[in-house]
């Protein structure tokens, strides 16, 4: 290989390095452009979209368009402006447990004390609720910055205790605890719906799932139950005695009617039996033999020819 070939070879090597360098520079430039663009797009996507959970809607607060908007966002991905904020409200049924022991949706010992006409009871409360979609903008305007769960937890739960006692105070502890539990639960559902109407909330299946009485109240309830059972037994005995009395009267009346009927029938028969009929019956039964002794009164055959 001569000197010219060596020079040519070196030039080719240098050119290849230059080409490779230029290619790397182009890739680097593309990366430097694409990455910021992706970051910008990601920021735009985060700030200009919101995802509403299933069974919820979003109340829209716009800083430049008179605050709370009259429309709501449906579940799924929705577009919004960066200056809009969204609060979610459940429109499907949400179930809440306020119980003595820890359950889903309940902190440790959220049981309530309810007032009755003759004492008080501890109770676990279970209820289902949802927000009326047409009332959500009004509710959001009233409680700006709070979503549906916050309104339920910070506003409505505190009201529930007093609303429930407004119903249970019309019943005794025994009625709430035992004898009229279904009636009380129905009244609670009706009353809570009236009270919560201004909050845009509908209640379903409000129930005092479990009630607990103090030892003194429990003893009084058991005493009333015992008295009630005794009164019921006495009532049943009186009813049985009254039934037996009525049955005896009916039997006596039946016998009187039967005797009167027999008497009337005999009278009718007696009226139809005159002397002629008696003689005919006697002749029909006579065997043809004359009596051995006859006196002047024995004149049965005197008028046979008549």
Protein backbone atom coordinates (compact mmCIF):
# COMPACT_ATOMS: atom_id res chain seq x y z
CA UNK A 1 0.00 0.00 0.00
CA UNK A 2 1.51 3.29 -1.12
CA UNK A 3 1.32 6.65 0.59
CA UNK A 4 -1.73 7.82 -1.42
CA UNK A 5 -3.75 4.84 -0.35
CA UNK A 6 -2.91 5.48 3.28
CA UNK A 7 -3.99 9.13 3.02
CA UNK A 8 -7.22 8.13 1.28
CA UNK A 9 -7.98 5.58 3.98
CA UNK A 10 -7.46 8.13 6.73
CA UNK A 11 -9.76 10.59 4.98
CA UNK A 12 -12.49 7.99 4.74
CA UNK A 13 -12.15 7.26 8.46
CA UNK A 14 -12.40 10.96 9.31
CA UNK A 15 -15.49 11.36 7.11
CA UNK A 16 -17.19 8.41 8.79
CA UNK A 17 -16.52 9.90 12.21
CA UNK A 18 -17.94 13.23 11.06
CA UNK A 19 -21.08 11.52 9.75
CA UNK A 20 -21.53 9.57 12.98
CA UNK A 21 -21.03 12.76 14.97
CA UNK A 22 -23.62 14.60 12.93
CA UNK A 23 -26.12 11.71 13.39
CA UNK A 24 -25.65 11.73 17.14
CA UNK A 25 -26.15 15.46 17.22
CA UNK A 26 -29.42 15.13 15.31
CA UNK A 27 -30.72 12.48 17.73
CA UNK A 28 -29.69 14.62 20.67
CA UNK A 29 -31.50 17.61 19.18
CA UNK A 30 -34.66 15.51 18.65
CA UNK A 31 -34.52 14.23 22.22
CA UNK A 32 -34.06 17.76 23.55
CA UNK A 33 -37.14 18.86 21.61
CA UNK A 34 -39.41 15.85 22.25
CA UNK A 35 -38.87 15.52 26.00
CA UNK A 36 -39.88 19.12 26.86
CA UNK A 37 -42.81 18.77 24.46
CA UNK A 38 -43.96 15.61 26.24
CA UNK A 39 -43.60 17.33 29.60
CA UNK A 40 -45.66 20.27 28.36
CA UNK A 41 -48.31 17.96 26.94
CA UNK A 42 -48.41 16.00 30.21
CA UNK A 43 -48.85 19.19 32.19
CA UNK A 44 -51.60 20.34 29.83
CA UNK A 45 -53.33 16.98 30.11
CA UNK A 46 -53.22 17.08 33.91
CA UNK A 47 -54.36 20.68 34.18
CA UNK A 48 -56.94 20.58 31.40
CA UNK A 49 -58.61 17.25 32.17
CA UNK A 50 -60.28 15.69 35.18
CA UNK A 51 -61.52 12.17 35.81
CA UNK A 52 -64.86 11.76 37.58
CA UNK A 53 -65.32 8.51 39.48
CA UNK A 54 -68.06 6.07 38.49
CA UNK A 55 -71.42 6.96 40.05
CA UNK A 56 -70.37 10.59 40.63
CA UNK A 57 -70.67 13.95 38.88
CA UNK A 58 -68.41 16.97 39.11
CA UNK A 59 -69.51 20.43 40.23
CA UNK A 60 -67.51 23.10 38.35
CA UNK A 61 -66.08 26.25 39.94
CA UNK A 62 -64.73 28.71 37.36
CA UNK A 63 -62.65 31.64 38.69
CA UNK A 64 -63.40 33.80 35.65
CA UNK A 65 -67.02 32.86 34.92
CA UNK A 66 -69.08 33.82 37.95
CA UNK A 67 -68.00 30.98 40.20
CA UNK A 68 -70.16 27.86 40.37
CA UNK A 69 -71.42 26.76 36.98
CA UNK A 70 -74.97 25.55 36.34
CA UNK A 71 -73.79 22.33 34.66
CA UNK A 72 -72.01 19.27 36.03
CA UNK A 73 -69.40 16.92 34.56
CA UNK A 74 -70.35 13.29 34.01
CA UNK A 75 -68.25 10.29 35.06
CA UNK A 76 -65.07 9.54 33.10
CA UNK A 77 -62.47 11.89 31.59
CA UNK A 78 -63.62 15.49 31.07
CA UNK A 79 -61.84 18.54 29.67
CA UNK A 80 -61.63 21.74 31.70
CA UNK A 81 -59.62 24.93 31.83
CA UNK A 82 -56.67 25.25 34.23
CA UNK A 83 -58.57 27.89 36.23
CA UNK A 84 -61.51 25.58 36.90
CA UNK A 85 -61.71 23.37 40.01
CA UNK A 86 -63.96 20.33 40.33
CA UNK A 87 -65.70 18.79 43.36
CA UNK A 88 -67.31 15.36 43.12
CA UNK A 89 -70.74 14.37 44.40
CA UNK A 90 -72.19 10.83 44.50
CA UNK A 91 -75.40 10.35 42.50
CA UNK A 92 -75.48 6.57 42.92
CA UNK A 93 -76.35 4.99 46.24
CA UNK A 94 -73.70 5.36 48.95
CA UNK A 95 -74.06 3.31 52.15
CA UNK A 96 -72.81 4.58 55.50
CA UNK A 97 -72.38 2.65 58.76
CA UNK A 98 -72.23 4.51 62.05
CA UNK A 99 -71.58 1.63 64.41
CA UNK A 100 -70.02 0.84 67.76
CA UNK A 101 -67.42 -1.43 66.18
CA UNK A 102 -65.24 -0.56 63.21
CA UNK A 103 -66.82 -1.26 59.83
CA UNK A 104 -66.50 0.02 56.29
CA UNK A 105 -67.14 3.75 56.29
CA UNK A 106 -67.24 3.93 60.08
CA UNK A 107 -64.53 5.03 62.46
CA UNK A 108 -64.16 3.29 65.80
CA UNK A 109 -67.39 3.68 67.80
CA UNK A 110 -69.55 6.05 65.78
CA UNK A 111 -72.69 4.79 67.52
CA UNK A 112 -75.25 7.41 68.50
CA UNK A 113 -77.35 8.10 71.59
CA UNK A 114 -81.04 8.50 70.81
CA UNK A 115 -83.72 9.92 73.09
CA UNK A 116 -87.00 8.09 73.70
CA UNK A 117 -90.11 9.13 75.60
CA UNK A 118 -88.98 7.26 78.73
CA UNK A 119 -85.20 7.07 78.45
CA UNK A 120 -82.34 6.74 75.98
CA UNK A 121 -80.68 4.03 73.91
CA UNK A 122 -77.34 3.54 72.20
CA UNK A 123 -77.80 2.64 68.54
CA UNK A 124 -75.89 1.70 65.39
CA UNK A 125 -77.17 3.65 62.39
CA UNK A 126 -77.10 2.44 58.79
CA UNK A 127 -78.31 4.52 55.88
CA UNK A 128 -77.98 4.89 52.13
CA UNK A 129 -77.98 8.26 50.41
CA UNK A 130 -77.26 10.10 47.19
CA UNK A 131 -77.22 13.69 45.96
CA UNK A 132 -79.91 14.85 43.54
CA UNK A 133 -78.05 15.84 40.39
CA UNK A 134 -80.28 18.85 39.71
CA UNK A 135 -79.50 20.31 43.17
CA UNK A 136 -75.71 19.88 43.10
CA UNK A 137 -74.81 23.35 41.71
CA UNK A 138 -76.99 24.96 44.40
CA UNK A 139 -75.41 22.82 47.14
CA UNK A 140 -71.90 23.57 45.86
CA UNK A 141 -72.71 27.28 45.86
CA UNK A 142 -73.90 27.00 49.46
CA UNK A 143 -70.88 24.96 50.63
CA UNK A 144 -68.18 26.26 48.29
CA UNK A 145 -65.02 24.22 48.33
CA UNK A 146 -66.63 21.09 49.87
CA UNK A 147 -67.33 17.94 47.88
CA UNK A 148 -70.17 15.52 48.57
CA UNK A 149 -68.26 13.39 51.05
CA UNK A 150 -67.11 16.44 53.03
CA UNK A 151 -70.66 17.78 53.21
CA UNK A 152 -71.90 14.42 54.47
CA UNK A 153 -69.11 14.01 57.03
CA UNK A 154 -68.83 17.55 58.36
CA UNK A 155 -72.39 18.85 58.00
CA UNK A 156 -75.00 16.11 57.74
CA UNK A 157 -73.62 13.54 60.17
CA UNK A 158 -73.78 16.05 62.98
CA UNK A 159 -77.40 16.84 62.11
CA UNK A 160 -78.43 13.19 61.91
CA UNK A 161 -78.28 12.62 65.66
CA UNK A 162 -80.75 15.39 66.46
CA UNK A 163 -83.01 14.52 63.51
CA UNK A 164 -83.24 10.90 64.66
CA UNK A 165 -84.12 11.87 68.24
CA UNK A 166 -86.90 14.09 66.86
CA UNK A 167 -88.55 10.84 65.74
CA UNK A 168 -87.60 8.42 68.51
CA UNK A 169 -88.74 10.76 71.31
CA UNK A 170 -92.30 9.92 70.26
CA UNK A 171 -91.76 6.25 71.12
CA UNK A 172 -90.84 4.35 74.27
CA UNK A 173 -87.52 2.55 74.64
CA UNK A 174 -89.28 -0.80 74.33
CA UNK A 175 -90.97 0.26 71.08
CA UNK A 176 -87.71 1.52 69.55
CA UNK A 177 -85.71 -1.41 70.92
CA UNK A 178 -88.18 -4.21 70.17
CA UNK A 179 -91.85 -3.91 69.36
CA UNK A 180 -92.03 -1.10 66.74
CA UNK A 181 -88.58 -1.12 65.17
CA UNK A 182 -89.85 -1.35 61.57
CA UNK A 183 -92.33 1.49 62.14
CA UNK A 184 -89.61 3.68 63.66
CA UNK A 185 -87.21 2.99 60.76
CA UNK A 186 -89.89 3.95 58.22
CA UNK A 187 -90.58 7.19 60.12
CA UNK A 188 -86.84 7.93 60.25
CA UNK A 189 -86.50 7.59 56.47
CA UNK A 190 -89.45 9.91 55.91
CA UNK A 191 -88.28 12.51 58.44
CA UNK A 192 -84.64 12.57 57.31
CA UNK A 193 -85.68 13.11 53.69
CA UNK A 194 -87.69 16.16 54.70
CA UNK A 195 -84.82 17.56 56.75
CA UNK A 196 -82.11 16.89 54.14
CA UNK A 197 -84.06 18.27 51.18
CA UNK A 198 -82.28 21.65 51.39
CA UNK A 199 -78.92 19.83 51.19
CA UNK A 200 -79.90 18.15 47.92
CA UNK A 201 -79.69 14.71 49.58
CA UNK A 202 -82.05 11.76 49.34
CA UNK A 203 -81.99 9.06 52.05
CA UNK A 204 -82.93 5.45 51.53
CA UNK A 205 -83.21 2.58 54.01
CA UNK A 206 -82.44 4.53 57.18
CA UNK A 207 -82.25 1.92 59.90
CA UNK A 208 -81.35 1.60 63.56
CA UNK A 209 -79.47 -1.60 62.82
CA UNK A 210 -78.84 -2.43 66.45
CA UNK A 211 -80.00 -0.79 69.67
CA UNK A 212 -78.50 -1.24 73.11
CA UNK A 213 -80.06 -0.37 76.46
CA UNK A 214 -78.40 0.28 79.82
CA UNK A 215 -78.91 -2.30 82.56
CA UNK A 216 -81.57 -0.17 84.21
CA UNK A 217 -83.44 0.45 80.96
CA UNK A 218 -83.11 -3.21 79.96
CA UNK A 219 -84.54 -4.29 83.33
CA UNK A 220 -87.46 -1.86 82.89
CA UNK A 221 -88.08 -3.17 79.37
CA UNK A 222 -88.09 -6.77 80.58
CA UNK A 223 -90.48 -5.81 83.38
CA UNK A 224 -92.83 -4.15 80.90
CA UNK A 225 -92.61 -7.19 78.67
CA UNK A 226 -93.55 -9.45 81.58
CA UNK A 227 -96.49 -7.23 82.50
CA UNK A 228 -97.55 -7.07 78.87
CA UNK A 229 -97.45 -10.86 78.61
CA UNK A 230 -99.51 -11.23 81.79
CA UNK A 231 -102.06 -8.72 80.52
CA UNK A 232 -102.22 -10.59 77.24
CA UNK A 233 -102.78 -13.89 79.03
CA UNK A 234 -105.57 -12.35 81.10
CA UNK A 235 -107.10 -10.91 77.96
CA UNK A 236 -107.03 -14.32 76.30
CA UNK A 237 -108.60 -15.94 79.37
CA UNK A 238 -111.36 -13.32 79.39
CA UNK A 239 -111.95 -13.88 75.70
CA UNK A 240 -112.18 -17.65 76.27
CA UNK A 241 -114.63 -17.13 79.16
CA UNK A 242 -116.71 -14.78 77.04
CA UNK A 243 -116.73 -17.28 74.18
CA UNK A 244 -117.80 -20.07 76.57
CA UNK A 245 -120.54 -17.83 77.98
CA UNK A 246 -121.83 -16.97 74.54
CA UNK A 247 -121.76 -20.66 73.56
CA UNK A 248 -123.82 -21.58 76.68
CA UNK A 249 -126.32 -18.83 75.90
CA UNK A 250 -126.65 -20.03 72.35
CA UNK A 251 -127.16 -23.61 73.54
CA UNK A 252 -129.84 -22.48 76.02
CA UNK A 253 -131.56 -20.45 73.36
CA UNK A 254 -131.44 -23.43 71.02
CA UNK A 255 -133.08 -25.65 73.59
CA UNK A 256 -135.81 -23.07 74.28
CA UNK A 257 -136.51 -22.74 70.57
CA UNK A 258 -136.57 -26.53 70.21
CA UNK A 259 -138.96 -26.92 73.17
CA UNK A 260 -141.23 -24.19 71.86
CA UNK A 261 -141.27 -25.88 68.47
CA UNK A 262 -142.18 -29.23 69.94
CA UNK A 263 -144.93 -27.64 72.07
CA UNK A 264 -146.40 -25.85 69.07
CA UNK A 265 -146.32 -29.05 67.02
CA UNK A 266 -148.14 -30.95 69.76
CA UNK A 267 -150.76 -28.24 69.97
CA UNK A 268 -151.33 -28.45 66.23
CA UNK A 269 -151.66 -32.22 66.47
CA UNK A 270 -154.06 -31.99 69.41
CA UNK A 271 -156.29 -29.54 67.56
CA UNK A 272 -156.70 -31.97 64.69
CA UNK A 273 -157.70 -34.99 66.84
CA UNK A 274 -161.60 -34.66 67.29
CA UNK A 275 -163.92 -37.46 68.57
CA UNK A 276 -164.76 -38.81 65.12
CA UNK A 277 -161.09 -39.24 64.20
CA UNK A 278 -160.44 -40.95 67.53
CA UNK A 279 -163.36 -43.40 66.93
CA UNK A 280 -162.08 -44.19 63.42
CA UNK A 281 -158.62 -44.85 64.77
CA UNK A 282 -160.12 -47.07 67.48
CA UNK A 283 -162.21 -49.07 64.95
CA UNK A 284 -159.21 -49.50 62.68
CA UNK A 285 -157.33 -50.99 65.58
CA UNK A 286 -160.37 -53.10 66.97
CA UNK A 287 -159.92 -56.84 66.68
CA UNK A 288 -163.77 -57.59 66.62
CA UNK A 289 -164.04 -58.75 70.19
CA UNK A 290 -166.45 -57.05 72.56
CA UNK A 291 -165.29 -56.15 75.98
CA UNK A 292 -166.28 -58.60 78.70
CA UNK A 293 -167.63 -55.92 80.99
CA UNK A 294 -169.51 -52.93 79.70
CA UNK A 295 -171.27 -50.23 81.60
CA UNK A 296 -173.60 -47.52 80.53
CA UNK A 297 -170.65 -45.44 79.40
CA UNK A 298 -169.41 -48.07 77.01
CA UNK A 299 -171.10 -46.58 74.01
CA UNK A 300 -168.31 -46.75 71.54
CA UNK A 301 -170.32 -48.90 69.13
CA UNK A 302 -173.68 -47.20 69.69
CA UNK A 303 -173.31 -44.84 66.82
CA UNK A 304 -171.51 -47.06 64.37
CA UNK A 305 -174.29 -46.63 61.95
CA UNK A 306 -174.15 -42.87 62.03
